[in-house]
C-alpha cells in the first residue's frame, strides 16, 4: 500500500455550503467505531436549506456502478433532465456530472470524502457505510 495522495482531495478551504455538509457528515460518525457514518443515519430533512443541492447515490460492487436515488431540484435543473433512478453510466456526461463516475469510484476506494470543481460549481462526495461496505454516497454541490 502506498501513501500517495488521494485523487480529488479536499481543498484547504471549502465553500461554506460544502463545509456545512461536511460538518453534518462528520457529526453523524458514531464515535471511534467507524471512519464514516452509516447511510441510514442521513436525514435530508436535517439539511432543509441545502436539500435542493444534495443527492444520495447508491454504490454497488462487482460491477461497480452508481445509481442516483434522491436528486435535489437544483441539481436536476442544472442537468436539464430527470436523474433519479438512473445509473451514472446511463447519464450523459455534462454539467454538473463531469468526472462524476471517476470521483465516485475514488470516494469508495479511498473510503474518504472527495471534491471536484467544474465550470461554475464544486461537488463534494461523502462515503456512507451500510450492509458491510460503502453502499451510498452523499453528494453536495455549491453554486448550483
N, C-alpha and C. Protein backbone atom coordinates (compact mmCIF):
# COMPACT_ATOMS: atom_id res chain seq x y z
N UNK A 1 0.85 -1.18 0.00
CA UNK A 1 0.00 0.00 0.00
C UNK A 1 0.89 1.24 0.00
N UNK A 2 0.53 2.22 -0.79
CA UNK A 2 1.31 3.45 -0.87
C UNK A 2 0.63 4.55 -0.07
N UNK A 3 1.38 5.60 0.16
CA UNK A 3 0.84 6.78 0.83
C UNK A 3 0.60 7.89 -0.17
N UNK A 4 0.27 7.52 -1.37
CA UNK A 4 0.02 8.50 -2.43
C UNK A 4 -1.17 9.37 -2.06
N UNK A 5 -1.15 10.63 -2.46
CA UNK A 5 -2.30 11.49 -2.15
C UNK A 5 -3.56 11.00 -2.87
N UNK A 6 -4.68 11.19 -2.22
CA UNK A 6 -5.97 10.78 -2.77
C UNK A 6 -6.35 11.69 -3.93
N UNK A 7 -6.65 11.13 -5.10
CA UNK A 7 -7.18 11.98 -6.18
C UNK A 7 -8.47 12.64 -5.70
N UNK A 8 -8.80 13.77 -6.23
CA UNK A 8 -10.00 14.51 -5.85
C UNK A 8 -9.96 14.92 -4.37
N UNK A 9 -8.76 15.20 -3.87
CA UNK A 9 -8.59 15.56 -2.46
C UNK A 9 -9.32 16.87 -2.14
N UNK A 10 -9.73 16.99 -0.89
CA UNK A 10 -10.40 18.21 -0.45
C UNK A 10 -9.42 19.38 -0.48
N UNK A 11 -9.89 20.56 -0.85
CA UNK A 11 -9.03 21.74 -0.80
C UNK A 11 -8.85 22.19 0.65
N UNK A 12 -7.94 23.11 0.87
CA UNK A 12 -7.73 23.63 2.22
C UNK A 12 -8.96 24.34 2.75
N UNK A 13 -9.70 25.00 1.86
CA UNK A 13 -10.89 25.73 2.28
C UNK A 13 -12.03 25.38 1.33
N UNK A 14 -13.15 24.95 1.92
CA UNK A 14 -14.34 24.61 1.14
C UNK A 14 -15.31 25.78 1.11
N UNK A 15 -16.11 25.84 0.06
CA UNK A 15 -17.25 26.75 0.00
C UNK A 15 -18.09 26.54 1.28
N UNK A 16 -18.68 27.61 1.84
CA UNK A 16 -19.43 27.47 3.10
C UNK A 16 -20.53 26.40 3.06
N UNK A 17 -21.26 26.28 1.98
CA UNK A 17 -22.30 25.26 1.89
C UNK A 17 -21.73 23.85 1.92
N UNK A 18 -20.62 23.64 1.23
CA UNK A 18 -19.98 22.33 1.24
C UNK A 18 -19.36 22.05 2.60
N UNK A 19 -18.78 23.07 3.22
CA UNK A 19 -18.21 22.90 4.57
C UNK A 19 -19.30 22.51 5.56
N UNK A 20 -20.48 23.09 5.41
CA UNK A 20 -21.61 22.76 6.28
C UNK A 20 -22.03 21.30 6.08
N UNK A 21 -22.06 20.84 4.84
CA UNK A 21 -22.42 19.45 4.56
C UNK A 21 -21.36 18.50 5.11
N UNK A 22 -20.08 18.84 4.96
CA UNK A 22 -19.01 18.02 5.51
C UNK A 22 -19.11 17.94 7.03
N UNK A 23 -19.41 19.05 7.69
CA UNK A 23 -19.58 19.05 9.15
C UNK A 23 -20.76 18.17 9.56
N UNK A 24 -21.86 18.24 8.81
CA UNK A 24 -23.03 17.39 9.07
C UNK A 24 -22.62 15.92 8.97
N UNK A 25 -21.90 15.55 7.91
CA UNK A 25 -21.44 14.17 7.70
C UNK A 25 -20.56 13.72 8.87
N UNK A 26 -19.61 14.56 9.26
CA UNK A 26 -18.71 14.22 10.38
C UNK A 26 -19.48 14.04 11.68
N UNK A 27 -20.49 14.86 11.91
CA UNK A 27 -21.30 14.75 13.13
C UNK A 27 -22.07 13.44 13.20
N UNK A 28 -22.31 12.80 12.07
CA UNK A 28 -23.04 11.54 12.04
C UNK A 28 -22.17 10.32 12.37
N UNK A 29 -20.85 10.49 12.37
CA UNK A 29 -19.96 9.36 12.65
C UNK A 29 -20.16 8.92 14.09
N UNK A 30 -20.32 7.62 14.28
CA UNK A 30 -20.62 7.04 15.60
C UNK A 30 -19.33 6.78 16.38
N UNK A 31 -18.83 7.81 17.05
CA UNK A 31 -17.65 7.66 17.90
C UNK A 31 -16.43 7.17 17.15
N UNK A 32 -15.64 6.34 17.84
CA UNK A 32 -14.39 5.82 17.28
C UNK A 32 -14.61 4.53 16.49
N UNK A 33 -15.83 4.02 16.48
CA UNK A 33 -16.11 2.72 15.87
C UNK A 33 -16.05 2.75 14.35
N UNK A 34 -16.14 3.91 13.75
CA UNK A 34 -16.21 3.99 12.30
C UNK A 34 -15.53 5.25 11.80
N UNK A 35 -15.05 5.19 10.57
CA UNK A 35 -14.43 6.37 9.96
C UNK A 35 -15.42 7.14 9.10
N UNK A 36 -16.66 6.62 9.03
CA UNK A 36 -17.69 7.28 8.23
C UNK A 36 -19.06 6.95 8.82
N UNK A 37 -20.07 7.75 8.53
CA UNK A 37 -21.41 7.47 9.05
C UNK A 37 -22.09 6.33 8.30
N UNK A 38 -23.14 5.83 8.91
CA UNK A 38 -24.00 4.85 8.27
C UNK A 38 -25.01 5.59 7.41
N UNK A 39 -25.31 5.04 6.24
CA UNK A 39 -26.18 5.76 5.30
C UNK A 39 -27.56 5.99 5.86
N UNK A 40 -28.06 5.08 6.70
CA UNK A 40 -29.42 5.26 7.21
C UNK A 40 -29.51 6.29 8.32
N UNK A 41 -28.38 6.88 8.72
CA UNK A 41 -28.41 8.00 9.68
C UNK A 41 -28.62 9.34 8.98
N UNK A 42 -28.43 9.38 7.68
CA UNK A 42 -28.60 10.63 6.92
C UNK A 42 -30.08 10.96 6.82
N UNK A 43 -30.42 12.16 7.21
CA UNK A 43 -31.80 12.65 7.10
C UNK A 43 -31.76 13.95 6.30
N UNK A 44 -32.21 13.88 5.07
CA UNK A 44 -32.18 15.09 4.23
C UNK A 44 -33.03 16.20 4.83
N UNK A 45 -34.01 15.85 5.64
CA UNK A 45 -34.82 16.88 6.30
C UNK A 45 -33.97 17.71 7.27
N UNK A 46 -32.86 17.15 7.75
CA UNK A 46 -31.94 17.91 8.61
C UNK A 46 -31.15 18.93 7.80
N UNK A 47 -31.19 18.81 6.50
CA UNK A 47 -30.43 19.69 5.62
C UNK A 47 -31.38 20.56 4.80
N UNK A 48 -32.47 20.96 5.40
CA UNK A 48 -33.55 21.63 4.67
C UNK A 48 -33.07 22.74 3.74
N UNK A 49 -32.17 23.59 4.20
CA UNK A 49 -31.71 24.70 3.37
C UNK A 49 -30.74 24.25 2.28
N UNK A 50 -30.20 23.04 2.37
CA UNK A 50 -29.26 22.53 1.38
C UNK A 50 -29.85 21.39 0.54
N UNK A 51 -31.04 20.90 0.90
CA UNK A 51 -31.60 19.70 0.28
C UNK A 51 -31.71 19.79 -1.24
N UNK A 52 -31.96 20.97 -1.76
CA UNK A 52 -32.08 21.11 -3.22
C UNK A 52 -30.73 21.01 -3.92
N UNK A 53 -29.65 21.02 -3.14
CA UNK A 53 -28.30 20.94 -3.71
C UNK A 53 -27.57 19.66 -3.31
N UNK A 54 -28.29 18.68 -2.82
CA UNK A 54 -27.66 17.40 -2.45
C UNK A 54 -28.36 16.25 -3.15
N UNK A 55 -27.66 15.14 -3.21
CA UNK A 55 -28.27 13.91 -3.72
C UNK A 55 -27.68 12.72 -2.99
N UNK A 56 -28.45 11.66 -2.93
CA UNK A 56 -27.98 10.38 -2.41
C UNK A 56 -27.81 9.44 -3.59
N UNK A 57 -26.67 8.78 -3.62
CA UNK A 57 -26.31 7.92 -4.74
C UNK A 57 -25.96 6.54 -4.18
N UNK A 58 -26.64 5.50 -4.65
CA UNK A 58 -26.34 4.13 -4.23
C UNK A 58 -25.06 3.66 -4.91
N UNK A 59 -24.22 2.97 -4.14
CA UNK A 59 -22.96 2.43 -4.65
C UNK A 59 -23.04 0.91 -4.67
N UNK A 60 -22.78 0.32 -5.82
CA UNK A 60 -22.82 -1.13 -5.99
C UNK A 60 -21.42 -1.65 -6.28
N UNK A 61 -21.17 -2.90 -5.88
CA UNK A 61 -19.88 -3.54 -6.13
C UNK A 61 -20.03 -4.63 -7.18
N UNK A 62 -18.98 -4.88 -7.92
CA UNK A 62 -18.85 -6.03 -8.82
C UNK A 62 -20.07 -6.30 -9.67
N UNK A 63 -20.39 -5.55 -10.64
CA UNK A 63 -19.60 -4.43 -11.15
C UNK A 63 -19.88 -3.15 -10.36
N UNK A 64 -18.87 -2.31 -10.33
CA UNK A 64 -19.02 -1.03 -9.65
C UNK A 64 -19.94 -0.14 -10.48
N UNK A 65 -21.03 0.28 -9.85
CA UNK A 65 -21.99 1.18 -10.50
C UNK A 65 -22.56 2.11 -9.45
N UNK A 66 -23.09 3.22 -9.92
CA UNK A 66 -23.66 4.22 -9.03
C UNK A 66 -25.03 4.64 -9.57
N UNK A 67 -26.04 4.59 -8.69
CA UNK A 67 -27.41 4.93 -9.11
C UNK A 67 -27.90 6.15 -8.32
N UNK A 68 -28.44 7.11 -9.04
CA UNK A 68 -28.98 8.32 -8.43
C UNK A 68 -30.31 7.98 -7.76
N UNK A 69 -30.35 8.04 -6.44
CA UNK A 69 -31.55 7.67 -5.68
C UNK A 69 -32.43 8.88 -5.39
N UNK A 70 -31.86 9.90 -4.80
CA UNK A 70 -32.57 11.15 -4.49
C UNK A 70 -31.74 12.28 -5.06
N UNK A 71 -32.36 13.13 -5.85
CA UNK A 71 -31.64 14.21 -6.54
C UNK A 71 -32.31 15.53 -6.23
N UNK A 72 -31.56 16.46 -5.65
CA UNK A 72 -32.09 17.78 -5.34
C UNK A 72 -32.55 18.53 -6.59
N UNK A 73 -33.54 19.38 -6.42
CA UNK A 73 -34.16 20.07 -7.55
C UNK A 73 -33.18 20.96 -8.31
N UNK A 74 -32.25 21.61 -7.63
CA UNK A 74 -31.30 22.49 -8.32
C UNK A 74 -30.32 21.67 -9.17
N UNK A 75 -30.00 20.47 -8.71
CA UNK A 75 -29.10 19.60 -9.48
C UNK A 75 -29.80 19.14 -10.76
N UNK A 76 -31.02 18.66 -10.61
CA UNK A 76 -31.79 18.20 -11.78
C UNK A 76 -32.00 19.33 -12.77
N UNK A 77 -32.27 20.53 -12.26
CA UNK A 77 -32.48 21.68 -13.12
C UNK A 77 -31.21 22.01 -13.91
N UNK A 78 -30.07 21.99 -13.24
CA UNK A 78 -28.80 22.28 -13.92
C UNK A 78 -28.50 21.20 -14.96
N UNK A 79 -28.78 19.95 -14.63
CA UNK A 79 -28.51 18.85 -15.56
C UNK A 79 -29.46 18.91 -16.75
N UNK A 80 -30.71 19.32 -16.51
CA UNK A 80 -31.65 19.50 -17.61
C UNK A 80 -32.62 18.37 -17.85
N UNK A 81 -32.53 17.32 -17.07
CA UNK A 81 -33.49 16.22 -17.17
C UNK A 81 -33.44 15.39 -15.89
N UNK A 82 -34.40 14.50 -15.76
CA UNK A 82 -34.51 13.67 -14.55
C UNK A 82 -33.33 12.71 -14.43
N UNK A 83 -32.76 12.65 -13.23
CA UNK A 83 -31.66 11.73 -12.96
C UNK A 83 -32.08 10.59 -12.04
N UNK A 84 -33.07 10.84 -11.21
CA UNK A 84 -33.47 9.86 -10.20
C UNK A 84 -33.77 8.51 -10.84
N UNK A 85 -33.14 7.46 -10.30
CA UNK A 85 -33.33 6.11 -10.80
C UNK A 85 -32.34 5.69 -11.87
N UNK A 86 -31.63 6.64 -12.46
CA UNK A 86 -30.62 6.31 -13.49
C UNK A 86 -29.31 5.87 -12.84
N UNK A 87 -28.61 4.98 -13.51
CA UNK A 87 -27.23 4.69 -13.14
C UNK A 87 -26.35 5.77 -13.77
N UNK A 88 -25.25 6.09 -13.10
CA UNK A 88 -24.36 7.14 -13.61
C UNK A 88 -23.86 6.83 -15.01
N UNK A 89 -23.65 5.55 -15.33
CA UNK A 89 -23.16 5.22 -16.66
C UNK A 89 -24.25 5.28 -17.73
N UNK A 90 -25.49 5.52 -17.33
CA UNK A 90 -26.60 5.72 -18.27
C UNK A 90 -26.84 7.20 -18.56
N UNK A 91 -26.29 8.06 -17.72
CA UNK A 91 -26.50 9.50 -17.86
C UNK A 91 -25.47 10.09 -18.83
N UNK A 92 -25.90 11.09 -19.58
CA UNK A 92 -24.96 11.80 -20.44
C UNK A 92 -23.98 12.58 -19.58
N UNK A 93 -22.74 12.63 -20.03
CA UNK A 93 -21.71 13.35 -19.28
C UNK A 93 -21.79 14.82 -19.66
N UNK A 94 -22.32 15.61 -18.73
CA UNK A 94 -22.39 17.06 -18.89
C UNK A 94 -22.57 17.67 -17.51
N UNK A 95 -22.49 18.97 -17.44
CA UNK A 95 -22.60 19.68 -16.16
C UNK A 95 -23.93 19.36 -15.48
N UNK A 96 -23.90 19.07 -14.22
CA UNK A 96 -22.79 19.09 -13.26
C UNK A 96 -22.22 17.71 -12.95
N UNK A 97 -22.17 16.83 -13.94
CA UNK A 97 -21.73 15.45 -13.70
C UNK A 97 -20.41 15.09 -14.38
N UNK A 98 -19.65 16.08 -14.83
CA UNK A 98 -18.35 15.76 -15.42
C UNK A 98 -17.50 15.03 -14.37
N UNK A 99 -16.86 13.97 -14.78
CA UNK A 99 -15.97 13.16 -13.94
C UNK A 99 -16.65 12.59 -12.70
N UNK A 100 -17.98 12.50 -12.71
CA UNK A 100 -18.70 12.01 -11.54
C UNK A 100 -18.34 10.55 -11.24
N UNK A 101 -18.37 9.69 -12.25
CA UNK A 101 -18.08 8.26 -12.00
C UNK A 101 -16.67 8.07 -11.47
N UNK A 102 -15.71 8.80 -12.02
CA UNK A 102 -14.33 8.69 -11.54
C UNK A 102 -14.23 9.14 -10.08
N UNK A 103 -14.86 10.27 -9.77
CA UNK A 103 -14.83 10.77 -8.40
C UNK A 103 -15.53 9.81 -7.45
N UNK A 104 -16.66 9.26 -7.85
CA UNK A 104 -17.39 8.32 -7.00
C UNK A 104 -16.55 7.08 -6.74
N UNK A 105 -15.87 6.58 -7.76
CA UNK A 105 -15.00 5.42 -7.61
C UNK A 105 -13.87 5.70 -6.62
N UNK A 106 -13.27 6.87 -6.72
CA UNK A 106 -12.20 7.26 -5.79
C UNK A 106 -12.75 7.38 -4.37
N UNK A 107 -13.95 7.91 -4.23
CA UNK A 107 -14.56 8.04 -2.90
C UNK A 107 -14.74 6.67 -2.26
N UNK A 108 -15.20 5.70 -3.03
CA UNK A 108 -15.39 4.35 -2.49
C UNK A 108 -14.04 3.69 -2.20
N UNK A 109 -13.14 3.72 -3.15
CA UNK A 109 -11.84 3.06 -2.96
C UNK A 109 -11.04 3.72 -1.85
N UNK A 110 -11.05 5.05 -1.80
CA UNK A 110 -10.29 5.77 -0.79
C UNK A 110 -10.97 5.83 0.57
N UNK A 111 -12.27 5.48 0.61
CA UNK A 111 -13.05 5.48 1.85
C UNK A 111 -12.96 6.83 2.56
N UNK A 112 -13.03 7.90 1.74
CA UNK A 112 -12.85 9.25 2.28
C UNK A 112 -13.59 10.26 1.40
N UNK A 113 -13.87 11.44 1.95
CA UNK A 113 -14.50 12.50 1.16
C UNK A 113 -13.62 12.91 -0.02
N UNK A 114 -14.28 13.30 -1.11
CA UNK A 114 -13.58 13.80 -2.29
C UNK A 114 -14.25 15.08 -2.77
N UNK A 115 -13.52 15.85 -3.60
CA UNK A 115 -14.00 17.14 -4.07
C UNK A 115 -13.60 17.32 -5.53
N UNK A 116 -14.48 17.98 -6.27
CA UNK A 116 -14.20 18.29 -7.67
C UNK A 116 -14.77 19.67 -7.96
N UNK A 117 -14.02 20.47 -8.71
CA UNK A 117 -14.50 21.78 -9.14
C UNK A 117 -14.69 21.75 -10.65
N UNK A 118 -15.92 22.00 -11.09
CA UNK A 118 -16.23 22.07 -12.50
C UNK A 118 -16.42 23.51 -12.92
N UNK A 119 -16.91 23.71 -14.11
CA UNK A 119 -17.17 25.06 -14.62
C UNK A 119 -18.36 25.67 -13.89
N UNK A 120 -18.11 26.55 -12.95
CA UNK A 120 -19.17 27.25 -12.25
C UNK A 120 -19.80 26.50 -11.09
N UNK A 121 -19.20 25.42 -10.64
CA UNK A 121 -19.73 24.68 -9.48
C UNK A 121 -18.61 23.86 -8.84
N UNK A 122 -18.87 23.41 -7.62
CA UNK A 122 -17.98 22.45 -6.95
C UNK A 122 -18.86 21.33 -6.40
N UNK A 123 -18.25 20.15 -6.26
CA UNK A 123 -19.00 18.96 -5.84
C UNK A 123 -18.21 18.22 -4.76
N UNK A 124 -18.90 17.82 -3.72
CA UNK A 124 -18.33 17.07 -2.60
C UNK A 124 -19.03 15.72 -2.53
N UNK A 125 -18.26 14.63 -2.50
CA UNK A 125 -18.82 13.29 -2.33
C UNK A 125 -18.35 12.73 -1.01
N UNK A 126 -19.30 12.18 -0.24
CA UNK A 126 -19.03 11.67 1.09
C UNK A 126 -19.49 10.23 1.19
N UNK A 127 -18.60 9.30 1.59
CA UNK A 127 -18.98 7.89 1.66
C UNK A 127 -19.87 7.60 2.87
N UNK A 128 -20.79 6.66 2.69
CA UNK A 128 -21.70 6.24 3.75
C UNK A 128 -21.70 4.72 3.83
N UNK A 129 -21.59 4.19 5.03
CA UNK A 129 -21.49 2.76 5.27
C UNK A 129 -22.86 2.12 5.38
N UNK A 130 -22.97 0.88 4.95
CA UNK A 130 -24.19 0.11 5.11
C UNK A 130 -24.04 -1.27 4.51
N UNK A 131 -24.59 -2.27 5.14
CA UNK A 131 -24.55 -3.65 4.63
C UNK A 131 -23.13 -4.17 4.44
N UNK A 132 -22.20 -3.74 5.30
CA UNK A 132 -20.84 -4.27 5.26
C UNK A 132 -19.91 -3.63 4.25
N UNK A 133 -20.33 -2.55 3.62
CA UNK A 133 -19.48 -1.85 2.64
C UNK A 133 -20.02 -0.44 2.44
N UNK A 134 -19.30 0.35 1.67
CA UNK A 134 -19.82 1.68 1.31
C UNK A 134 -20.96 1.45 0.34
N UNK A 135 -22.16 1.76 0.78
CA UNK A 135 -23.33 1.45 -0.04
C UNK A 135 -24.06 2.69 -0.55
N UNK A 136 -23.63 3.86 -0.09
CA UNK A 136 -24.30 5.09 -0.51
C UNK A 136 -23.28 6.23 -0.45
N UNK A 137 -23.51 7.23 -1.28
CA UNK A 137 -22.70 8.45 -1.27
C UNK A 137 -23.63 9.63 -1.07
N UNK A 138 -23.24 10.52 -0.18
CA UNK A 138 -23.92 11.80 -0.02
C UNK A 138 -23.16 12.79 -0.89
N UNK A 139 -23.84 13.41 -1.81
CA UNK A 139 -23.21 14.31 -2.77
C UNK A 139 -23.80 15.71 -2.60
N UNK A 140 -22.93 16.70 -2.44
CA UNK A 140 -23.37 18.08 -2.27
C UNK A 140 -22.71 18.96 -3.33
N UNK A 141 -23.46 19.95 -3.78
CA UNK A 141 -22.97 20.89 -4.79
C UNK A 141 -23.00 22.31 -4.24
N UNK A 142 -22.09 23.13 -4.73
CA UNK A 142 -22.15 24.56 -4.46
C UNK A 142 -22.32 25.29 -5.78
N UNK A 143 -22.84 26.50 -5.69
CA UNK A 143 -23.02 27.36 -6.86
C UNK A 143 -23.92 26.76 -7.93
N UNK A 144 -24.88 25.97 -7.51
CA UNK A 144 -25.88 25.43 -8.45
C UNK A 144 -27.18 26.15 -8.18
